[in-house]
Amino acid sequence: MHWDAVTIGSIVSVVICVVIIVYLGFKVSALVKSDAEKHKQ
């Protein structure tokens, strides 16, 4: 495997995308849970 700037850049961008998706997923699930709690009351 030849490690050049393009390879490293693409890997970094993929990692950042995954982190953002996971973070947004946690945010949405937290919002849904808090919203459900409000509706229960």
PDB file of N, CA and C in Angstrom:
ATOM      1  N   MET A   1       0.851  -1.198   0.000  1.00  0.00           N
ATOM      2  CA  MET A   1       0.000   0.000   0.000  1.00  0.00           C
ATOM      3  C   MET A   1       0.882   1.242   0.000  1.00  0.00           C
ATOM      4  N   HIS A   2       0.680   2.087  -0.996  1.00  0.00           N
ATOM      5  CA  HIS A   2       1.484   3.315  -1.102  1.00  0.00           C
ATOM      6  C   HIS A   2       0.732   4.458  -0.436  1.00  0.00           C
ATOM      7  N   TRP A   3       1.318   4.991   0.630  1.00  0.00           N
ATOM      8  CA  TRP A   3       0.662   6.065   1.399  1.00  0.00           C
ATOM      9  C   TRP A   3       1.085   7.424   0.855  1.00  0.00           C
ATOM     10  N   ASP A   4       0.174   8.047   0.100  1.00  0.00           N
ATOM     11  CA  ASP A   4       0.445   9.408  -0.343  1.00  0.00           C
ATOM     12  C   ASP A   4      -0.630  10.348   0.211  1.00  0.00           C
ATOM     13  N   ALA A   5      -0.509  11.613  -0.120  1.00  0.00           N
ATOM     14  CA  ALA A   5      -1.408  12.620   0.464  1.00  0.00           C
ATOM     15  C   ALA A   5      -2.869  12.348   0.094  1.00  0.00           C
ATOM     16  N   VAL A   6      -3.104  11.874  -1.139  1.00  0.00           N
ATOM     17  CA  VAL A   6      -4.477  11.620  -1.587  1.00  0.00           C
ATOM     18  C   VAL A   6      -5.103  10.491  -0.788  1.00  0.00           C
ATOM     19  N   THR A   7      -4.344   9.407  -0.589  1.00  0.00           N
ATOM     20  CA  THR A   7      -4.847   8.261   0.180  1.00  0.00           C
ATOM     21  C   THR A   7      -5.185   8.680   1.601  1.00  0.00           C
ATOM     22  N   ILE A   8      -4.257   9.381   2.252  1.00  0.00           N
ATOM     23  CA  ILE A   8      -4.467   9.837   3.627  1.00  0.00           C
ATOM     24  C   ILE A   8      -5.654  10.796   3.684  1.00  0.00           C
ATOM     25  N   GLY A   9      -5.734  11.699   2.725  1.00  0.00           N
ATOM     26  CA  GLY A   9      -6.843  12.658   2.697  1.00  0.00           C
ATOM     27  C   GLY A   9      -8.186  11.978   2.549  1.00  0.00           C
ATOM     28  N   SER A  10      -8.271  10.968   1.667  1.00  0.00           N
ATOM     29  CA  SER A  10      -9.547  10.280   1.471  1.00  0.00           C
ATOM     30  C   SER A  10      -9.929   9.490   2.711  1.00  0.00           C
ATOM     31  N   ILE A  11      -8.952   8.848   3.356  1.00  0.00           N
ATOM     32  CA  ILE A  11      -9.231   8.092   4.589  1.00  0.00           C
ATOM     33  C   ILE A  11      -9.714   9.044   5.680  1.00  0.00           C
ATOM     34  N   VAL A  12      -9.053  10.185   5.823  1.00  0.00           N
ATOM     35  CA  VAL A  12      -9.444  11.170   6.840  1.00  0.00           C
ATOM     36  C   VAL A  12     -10.858  11.673   6.580  1.00  0.00           C
ATOM     37  N   SER A  13     -11.190  11.951   5.310  1.00  0.00           N
ATOM     38  CA  SER A  13     -12.527  12.457   5.002  1.00  0.00           C
ATOM     39  C   SER A  13     -13.586  11.396   5.290  1.00  0.00           C
ATOM     40  N   VAL A  14     -13.286  10.132   5.012  1.00  0.00           N
ATOM     41  CA  VAL A  14     -14.225   9.045   5.309  1.00  0.00           C
ATOM     42  C   VAL A  14     -14.432   8.937   6.819  1.00  0.00           C
ATOM     43  N   VAL A  15     -13.347   9.007   7.587  1.00  0.00           N
ATOM     44  CA  VAL A  15     -13.442   8.925   9.052  1.00  0.00           C
ATOM     45  C   VAL A  15     -14.289  10.073   9.591  1.00  0.00           C
ATOM     46  N   ILE A  16     -14.055  11.288   9.077  1.00  0.00           N
ATOM     47  CA  ILE A  16     -14.821  12.448   9.524  1.00  0.00           C
ATOM     48  C   ILE A  16     -16.304  12.265   9.212  1.00  0.00           C
ATOM     49  N   CYS A  17     -16.605  11.759   8.003  1.00  0.00           N
ATOM     50  CA  CYS A  17     -18.009  11.516   7.632  1.00  0.00           C
ATOM     51  C   CYS A  17     -18.654  10.527   8.587  1.00  0.00           C
ATOM     52  N   VAL A  18     -17.956   9.435   8.907  1.00  0.00           N
ATOM     53  CA  VAL A  18     -18.501   8.426   9.816  1.00  0.00           C
ATOM     54  C   VAL A  18     -18.751   9.032  11.194  1.00  0.00           C
ATOM     55  N   VAL A  19     -17.794   9.816  11.683  1.00  0.00           N
ATOM     56  CA  VAL A  19     -17.939  10.448  13.002  1.00  0.00           C
ATOM     57  C   VAL A  19     -19.163  11.369  13.025  1.00  0.00           C
ATOM     58  N   ILE A  20     -19.331  12.169  11.956  1.00  0.00           N
ATOM     59  CA  ILE A  20     -20.472  13.095  11.883  1.00  0.00           C
ATOM     60  C   ILE A  20     -21.781  12.317  11.867  1.00  0.00           C
ATOM     61  N   ILE A  21     -21.851  11.230  11.069  1.00  0.00           N
ATOM     62  CA  ILE A  21     -23.079  10.433  10.986  1.00  0.00           C
ATOM     63  C   ILE A  21     -23.417   9.826  12.344  1.00  0.00           C
ATOM     64  N   VAL A  22     -22.413   9.260  13.023  1.00  0.00           N
ATOM     65  CA  VAL A  22     -22.644   8.655  14.342  1.00  0.00           C
ATOM     66  C   VAL A  22     -23.107   9.719  15.336  1.00  0.00           C
ATOM     67  N   TYR A  23     -22.442  10.886  15.312  1.00  0.00           N
ATOM     68  CA  TYR A  23     -22.795  11.980  16.221  1.00  0.00           C
ATOM     69  C   TYR A  23     -24.231  12.445  15.980  1.00  0.00           C
ATOM     70  N   LEU A  24     -24.594  12.625  14.707  1.00  0.00           N
ATOM     71  CA  LEU A  24     -25.957  13.041  14.381  1.00  0.00           C
ATOM     72  C   LEU A  24     -26.957  11.977  14.804  1.00  0.00           C
ATOM     73  N   GLY A  25     -26.612  10.715  14.623  1.00  0.00           N
ATOM     74  CA  GLY A  25     -27.498   9.629  15.038  1.00  0.00           C
ATOM     75  C   GLY A  25     -27.768   9.680  16.534  1.00  0.00           C
ATOM     76  N   PHE A  26     -26.714   9.894  17.332  1.00  0.00           N
ATOM     77  CA  PHE A  26     -26.888  10.003  18.784  1.00  0.00           C
ATOM     78  C   PHE A  26     -27.742  11.221  19.134  1.00  0.00           C
ATOM     79  N   LYS A  27     -27.504  12.352  18.458  1.00  0.00           N
ATOM     80  CA  LYS A  27     -28.270  13.567  18.708  1.00  0.00           C
ATOM     81  C   LYS A  27     -29.747  13.326  18.431  1.00  0.00           C
ATOM     82  N   VAL A  28     -30.052  12.725  17.282  1.00  0.00           N
ATOM     83  CA  VAL A  28     -31.441  12.484  16.895  1.00  0.00           C
ATOM     84  C   VAL A  28     -32.114  11.537  17.881  1.00  0.00           C
ATOM     85  N   SER A  29     -31.434  10.449  18.258  1.00  0.00           N
ATOM     86  CA  SER A  29     -32.036   9.495  19.196  1.00  0.00           C
ATOM     87  C   SER A  29     -32.269  10.149  20.563  1.00  0.00           C
ATOM     88  N   ALA A  30     -31.348  11.020  20.994  1.00  0.00           N
ATOM     89  CA  ALA A  30     -31.525  11.730  22.255  1.00  0.00           C
ATOM     90  C   ALA A  30     -32.727  12.672  22.172  1.00  0.00           C
ATOM     91  N   LEU A  31     -32.866  13.375  21.037  1.00  0.00           N
ATOM     92  CA  LEU A  31     -34.007  14.271  20.848  1.00  0.00           C
ATOM     93  C   LEU A  31     -35.316  13.492  20.843  1.00  0.00           C
ATOM     94  N   VAL A  32     -35.336  12.361  20.162  1.00  0.00           N
ATOM     95  CA  VAL A  32     -36.553  11.540  20.093  1.00  0.00           C
ATOM     96  C   VAL A  32     -36.933  11.048  21.487  1.00  0.00           C
ATOM     97  N   LYS A  33     -35.937  10.623  22.261  1.00  0.00           N
ATOM     98  CA  LYS A  33     -36.210  10.135  23.627  1.00  0.00           C
ATOM     99  C   LYS A  33     -36.769  11.261  24.502  1.00  0.00           C
ATOM    100  N   SER A  34     -36.155  12.432  24.465  1.00  0.00           N
ATOM    101  CA  SER A  34     -36.633  13.546  25.292  1.00  0.00           C
ATOM    102  C   SER A  34     -38.020  13.996  24.832  1.00  0.00           C
ATOM    103  N   ASP A  35     -38.262  13.952  23.523  1.00  0.00           N
ATOM    104  CA  ASP A  35     -39.574  14.306  22.983  1.00  0.00           C
ATOM    105  C   ASP A  35     -40.632  13.319  23.459  1.00  0.00           C
ATOM    106  N   ALA A  36     -40.293  12.030  23.460  1.00  0.00           N
ATOM    107  CA  ALA A  36     -41.240  10.992  23.930  1.00  0.00           C
ATOM    108  C   ALA A  36     -41.549  11.201  25.405  1.00  0.00           C
ATOM    109  N   GLU A  37     -40.527  11.558  26.189  1.00  0.00           N
ATOM    110  CA  GLU A  37     -40.749  11.813  27.628  1.00  0.00           C
ATOM    111  C   GLU A  37     -41.717  12.977  27.820  1.00  0.00           C
ATOM    112  N   LYS A  38     -41.588  14.035  27.015  1.00  0.00           N
ATOM    113  CA  LYS A  38     -42.488  15.184  27.123  1.00  0.00           C
ATOM    114  C   LYS A  38     -43.920  14.784  26.815  1.00  0.00           C
ATOM    115  N   HIS A  39     -44.108  13.941  25.803  1.00  0.00           N
ATOM    116  CA  HIS A  39     -45.441  13.532  25.406  1.00  0.00           C
ATOM    117  C   HIS A  39     -46.115  12.642  26.450  1.00  0.00           C
ATOM    118  N   LYS A  40     -45.295  11.903  27.203  1.00  0.00           N
ATOM    119  CA  LYS A  40     -45.849  11.008  28.235  1.00  0.00           C
ATOM    120  C   LYS A  40     -46.499  11.802  29.371  1.00  0.00           C
ATOM    121  N   GLN A  41     -45.918  12.962  29.695  1.00  0.00           N
ATOM    122  CA  GLN A  41     -46.404  13.733  30.839  1.00  0.00           C
ATOM    123  C   GLN A  41     -47.789  14.319  30.603  1.00  0.00           C
TER     124      GLN A  41
END
